[in-house]
Amino acid sequence: MKRKIIEIDESLCNGCGQCVTGCAEGALEIVDGKAKVVADHFCDGLGACIGHCPTGALAIIEREAPDFDEKAVEARLASLGQAPKPHHQPGGCPSAQAMTLSPCQQANIPTAQPAAAGAGLSTWPVKLRLVPPTAPFFKGARLLLASDCVPAAFPAFHSAFLPGRVALLGCPKFDDVQGYVEKLTAIARENDLAEITVLQMEVPCCAGMARIATASVAASGKRVPITKVVIGRRGEIVSMGPVTNQPLGLGGE
């Protein structure tokens, strides 16, 4: 099968071993001074090890590889005398564990203005590349698909758009756009989404976010209303309106 898996650029690897200790599945080891993937079926492809590499030698690619094998990982960790890391869920990085959240206690948050009722994340994870399409909170959900820069640029993000919605964030310029389309297509196909609200910045490189949504809904075969909201760099709403569920080009304008 073709799936995401770790690739190591040996020309960049300095053999420090930080990725080895950062891999909860024991999929990496140092051989002849270079990091190596022990066996493909030990690697879950989520990339928790990447952030531990100081030289940028690790990357996630997509290629033919056998399925990730949780039982084999458990056996390998046992052979190494290692227990699963705290809070680690077999089959992935803890940041990808789907969960529903309760509202936080706002009294402990220093702020000039009280938070709006219901504001705050209700689900996790928020990164589109990490969330599983089968997460239970997608059933009948109102989806909020936001570009990474929006929460920083738009002060009313939490109060105006987040309540009652499942938030997913990504960057249509720097991230894997085709991977986003495939993930969002699976979410739309497997769940009866009520709507999708797209929040994107006014800059041209951000235009791909609405295109990702329309292409995904079209590919899913479902009918899901999509609203596009464009946010200005000064924090204002530049435009807002419905978009049609038609497959469009994914490049920037």
Protein backbone atom coordinates (compact mmCIF):
# COMPACT_ATOMS: atom_id res chain seq x y z
CA MET A 1 0.00 0.00 0.00
CA LYS A 2 1.05 3.63 -0.47
CA ARG A 3 1.23 5.62 2.75
CA LYS A 4 3.14 8.34 4.59
CA ILE A 5 6.45 7.30 6.13
CA ILE A 6 9.67 8.87 7.40
CA GLU A 7 12.57 9.44 4.97
CA ILE A 8 16.09 10.29 6.19
CA ASP A 9 18.53 12.38 4.17
CA GLU A 10 21.85 10.84 5.20
CA SER A 11 23.77 13.81 3.79
CA LEU A 12 22.15 15.97 6.50
CA CYS A 13 22.15 13.43 9.33
CA ASN A 14 24.93 13.94 11.90
CA GLY A 15 24.12 10.82 13.91
CA CYS A 16 23.15 12.72 17.06
CA GLY A 17 20.41 10.20 17.89
CA GLN A 18 17.84 12.74 19.03
CA CYS A 19 15.29 11.35 16.57
CA VAL A 20 15.81 7.87 18.03
CA THR A 21 14.80 8.99 21.51
CA GLY A 22 11.98 11.04 19.99
CA CYS A 23 10.38 8.05 18.27
CA ALA A 24 7.84 6.40 20.57
CA GLU A 25 7.63 3.30 18.37
CA GLY A 26 11.35 2.45 18.35
CA ALA A 27 11.37 2.67 14.56
CA LEU A 28 14.74 4.43 14.35
CA GLU A 29 18.28 3.54 15.31
CA ILE A 30 21.80 4.76 14.58
CA VAL A 31 23.73 2.52 12.16
CA ASP A 32 27.28 3.44 11.09
CA GLY A 33 26.78 6.96 12.38
CA LYS A 34 23.51 7.62 10.54
CA ALA A 35 19.86 7.37 11.58
CA LYS A 36 18.00 4.53 9.87
CA VAL A 37 14.40 3.28 9.81
CA VAL A 38 14.66 -0.20 11.31
CA ALA A 39 11.63 -1.52 9.44
CA ASP A 40 8.80 0.26 7.66
CA HIS A 41 6.09 -1.45 9.70
CA PHE A 42 7.45 0.13 12.89
CA CYS A 43 6.96 3.68 11.52
CA ASP A 44 3.50 5.25 11.89
CA GLY A 45 4.35 8.09 9.49
CA LEU A 46 3.06 10.88 11.76
CA GLY A 47 6.48 12.48 12.17
CA ALA A 48 6.80 12.97 15.93
CA CYS A 49 10.56 12.46 15.45
CA ILE A 50 10.97 15.34 12.99
CA GLY A 51 10.93 18.08 15.60
CA HIS A 52 13.83 16.40 17.43
CA CYS A 53 16.20 16.57 14.43
CA PRO A 54 18.53 19.61 14.63
CA THR A 55 19.71 19.35 11.00
CA GLY A 56 16.42 18.88 9.12
CA ALA A 57 17.40 15.42 7.90
CA LEU A 58 13.95 13.90 8.47
CA ALA A 59 10.87 14.38 6.32
CA ILE A 60 7.52 12.71 5.72
CA ILE A 61 7.07 11.29 2.23
CA GLU A 62 4.48 9.03 0.62
CA ARG A 63 5.60 5.74 -0.89
CA GLU A 64 4.85 2.04 -1.03
CA ALA A 65 5.26 0.55 2.45
CA PRO A 66 3.66 -2.17 4.57
CA ASP A 67 0.99 -1.20 7.10
CA PHE A 68 2.02 0.13 10.48
CA ASP A 69 1.96 -2.84 12.88
CA GLU A 70 1.06 -1.99 16.49
CA LYS A 71 1.73 -5.53 17.75
CA ALA A 72 5.17 -5.56 16.14
CA VAL A 73 5.94 -2.22 17.78
CA GLU A 74 4.90 -3.55 21.19
CA ALA A 75 7.17 -6.56 20.70
CA ARG A 76 10.07 -4.36 19.61
CA LEU A 77 9.70 -2.01 22.58
CA ALA A 78 9.61 -5.05 24.88
CA SER A 79 12.79 -6.41 23.29
CA LEU A 80 14.45 -3.04 23.85
CA GLY A 81 13.29 -3.01 27.46
CA GLN A 82 11.16 0.07 26.83
CA ALA A 83 7.62 0.74 27.95
CA PRO A 84 5.25 2.86 25.83
CA LYS A 85 5.84 6.52 26.60
CA PRO A 86 3.36 8.22 28.96
CA HIS A 87 0.15 9.28 27.25
CA HIS A 88 1.27 7.65 24.01
CA GLN A 89 -1.46 5.98 22.05
CA PRO A 90 -0.32 3.02 19.92
CA GLY A 91 -0.37 3.95 16.27
CA GLY A 92 0.44 7.65 16.46
CA CYS A 93 1.79 10.77 18.05
CA PRO A 94 -0.15 12.03 21.12
CA SER A 95 -0.88 15.26 19.23
CA ALA A 96 -3.07 13.26 16.82
CA GLN A 97 -5.28 11.69 19.50
CA ALA A 98 -8.85 12.78 18.79
CA MET A 99 -10.75 14.13 21.79
CA THR A 100 -13.69 16.31 22.71
CA LEU A 101 -12.87 19.14 25.12
CA SER A 102 -14.87 20.86 27.82
CA PRO A 103 -14.83 24.68 28.10
CA CYS A 104 -11.91 25.94 30.18
CA GLN A 105 -12.34 27.93 33.37
CA GLN A 106 -11.91 31.48 32.12
CA ALA A 107 -11.35 32.90 35.62
CA ASN A 108 -7.68 31.81 35.54
CA ILE A 109 -6.92 33.54 32.23
CA PRO A 110 -5.59 37.12 32.51
CA THR A 111 -7.40 39.27 29.95
CA ALA A 112 -8.68 42.79 29.55
CA GLN A 113 -12.04 41.53 28.35
CA PRO A 114 -13.99 38.46 29.51
CA ALA A 115 -14.12 35.62 26.99
CA ALA A 116 -17.37 35.11 25.12
CA ALA A 117 -19.61 32.33 26.38
CA GLY A 118 -18.82 29.10 24.57
CA ALA A 119 -15.57 30.45 23.11
CA GLY A 120 -12.65 28.06 23.09
CA LEU A 121 -11.71 24.78 21.43
CA SER A 122 -14.24 21.99 21.68
CA THR A 123 -12.20 19.33 19.85
CA TRP A 124 -8.61 18.21 19.33
CA PRO A 125 -6.45 18.07 17.23
CA VAL A 126 -6.86 21.28 15.28
CA LYS A 127 -4.33 20.61 12.52
CA LEU A 128 -5.98 19.18 9.40
CA ARG A 129 -2.99 16.95 8.70
CA LEU A 130 -3.30 15.28 12.12
CA VAL A 131 -7.03 14.79 12.66
CA PRO A 132 -8.48 11.34 11.85
CA PRO A 133 -11.46 11.42 9.44
CA THR A 134 -13.29 8.95 11.70
CA ALA A 135 -13.17 11.21 14.78
CA PRO A 136 -16.65 11.04 16.37
CA PHE A 137 -16.98 14.82 16.65
CA PHE A 138 -17.28 15.11 12.85
CA LYS A 139 -20.76 13.56 12.79
CA GLY A 140 -23.15 16.33 11.72
CA ALA A 141 -20.45 18.91 12.46
CA ARG A 142 -20.25 22.53 11.44
CA LEU A 143 -16.66 22.63 10.18
CA LEU A 144 -14.43 25.68 10.51
CA LEU A 145 -11.52 25.43 8.05
CA ALA A 146 -9.11 28.24 8.86
CA SER A 147 -5.74 29.27 7.48
CA ASP A 148 -2.98 29.29 10.09
CA CYS A 149 -2.60 33.09 10.06
CA VAL A 150 -6.27 33.87 10.70
CA PRO A 151 -6.38 33.42 14.51
CA ALA A 152 -3.42 35.80 14.86
CA ALA A 153 -4.82 38.43 12.48
CA PHE A 154 -8.50 38.30 13.47
CA PRO A 155 -9.06 39.27 17.14
CA ALA A 156 -12.66 37.98 17.19
CA PHE A 157 -11.76 34.52 15.87
CA HIS A 158 -12.74 32.71 19.10
CA SER A 159 -15.94 34.61 19.80
CA ALA A 160 -17.25 35.13 16.26
CA PHE A 161 -16.56 31.83 14.53
CA LEU A 162 -15.30 29.14 16.92
CA PRO A 163 -18.36 28.47 19.13
CA GLY A 164 -20.36 25.48 17.90
CA ARG A 165 -17.83 24.56 15.23
CA VAL A 166 -15.07 21.97 14.82
CA ALA A 167 -11.92 23.92 13.99
CA LEU A 168 -9.24 22.69 11.58
CA LEU A 169 -6.18 24.74 10.69
CA GLY A 170 -3.66 24.54 7.86
CA CYS A 171 -1.58 26.54 5.40
CA PRO A 172 -2.42 26.22 1.69
CA LYS A 173 0.96 27.71 0.73
CA PHE A 174 3.46 25.62 2.70
CA ASP A 175 1.59 22.40 3.47
CA ASP A 176 0.66 19.37 1.35
CA VAL A 177 -2.39 20.67 -0.53
CA GLN A 178 -3.21 17.33 -2.16
CA GLY A 179 -2.96 15.67 1.24
CA TYR A 180 -5.41 18.24 2.58
CA VAL A 181 -7.86 17.49 -0.24
CA GLU A 182 -7.66 13.76 0.41
CA LYS A 183 -8.13 14.21 4.17
CA LEU A 184 -11.04 16.63 3.84
CA THR A 185 -12.64 14.45 1.17
CA ALA A 186 -12.57 11.52 3.59
CA ILE A 187 -14.07 13.68 6.36
CA ALA A 188 -16.89 14.84 4.08
CA ARG A 189 -17.52 11.37 2.70
CA GLU A 190 -17.65 9.58 6.03
CA ASN A 191 -19.63 12.17 7.98
CA ASP A 192 -22.82 14.15 7.39
CA LEU A 193 -21.28 17.60 7.71
CA ALA A 194 -23.80 20.37 8.26
CA GLU A 195 -21.64 23.08 6.71
CA ILE A 196 -18.09 24.28 6.12
CA THR A 197 -16.97 27.82 6.90
CA VAL A 198 -13.63 28.72 5.34
CA LEU A 199 -11.58 31.50 6.95
CA GLN A 200 -8.68 32.67 4.80
CA MET A 201 -6.45 35.72 4.61
CA GLU A 202 -6.72 38.34 1.87
CA VAL A 203 -3.22 37.56 0.54
CA PRO A 204 -3.15 35.59 -2.76
CA CYS A 205 -1.24 32.61 -1.37
CA CYS A 206 -4.14 31.95 1.01
CA ALA A 207 -6.76 31.64 -1.74
CA GLY A 208 -6.18 27.91 -1.96
CA MET A 209 -8.06 27.19 1.27
CA ALA A 210 -11.51 27.71 -0.27
CA ARG A 211 -10.41 25.70 -3.29
CA ILE A 212 -9.38 22.83 -1.04
CA ALA A 213 -12.85 22.86 0.53
CA THR A 214 -14.73 22.97 -2.78
CA ALA A 215 -12.59 20.29 -4.42
CA SER A 216 -12.96 18.02 -1.38
CA VAL A 217 -16.74 18.32 -1.16
CA ALA A 218 -17.05 17.69 -4.89
CA ALA A 219 -14.83 14.60 -4.66
CA SER A 220 -16.81 13.27 -1.68
CA GLY A 221 -20.07 13.19 -3.64
CA LYS A 222 -21.84 14.96 -0.76
CA ARG A 223 -23.72 18.26 -0.76
CA VAL A 224 -22.26 20.50 1.92
CA PRO A 225 -22.85 24.28 1.95
CA ILE A 226 -19.60 26.26 2.03
CA THR A 227 -19.17 29.85 3.17
CA LYS A 228 -15.93 31.74 2.48
CA VAL A 229 -14.82 34.53 4.79
CA VAL A 230 -11.79 36.64 3.81
CA ILE A 231 -9.89 38.35 6.63
CA GLY A 232 -7.76 41.45 6.13
CA ARG A 233 -4.29 41.89 7.60
CA ARG A 234 -5.64 44.61 9.89
CA GLY A 235 -8.17 42.21 11.40
CA GLU A 236 -11.28 43.20 9.47
CA ILE A 237 -13.68 41.00 7.48
CA VAL A 238 -13.01 41.88 3.84
CA SER A 239 -15.76 39.73 2.35
CA MET A 240 -18.15 36.93 3.24
CA GLY A 241 -20.40 34.78 1.10
CA PRO A 242 -21.32 31.29 -0.14
CA VAL A 243 -19.21 29.37 -2.65
CA THR A 244 -20.32 26.60 -4.98
CA ASN A 245 -19.20 23.00 -4.45
CA GLN A 246 -17.26 22.80 -7.70
CA PRO A 247 -13.77 21.32 -8.17
CA LEU A 248 -11.47 24.28 -8.85
CA GLY A 249 -7.75 24.65 -9.44
CA LEU A 250 -5.70 24.52 -6.26
CA GLY A 251 -2.93 26.94 -7.16
CA GLY A 252 -2.62 30.49 -5.85
CA GLU A 253 -4.17 33.39 -7.69
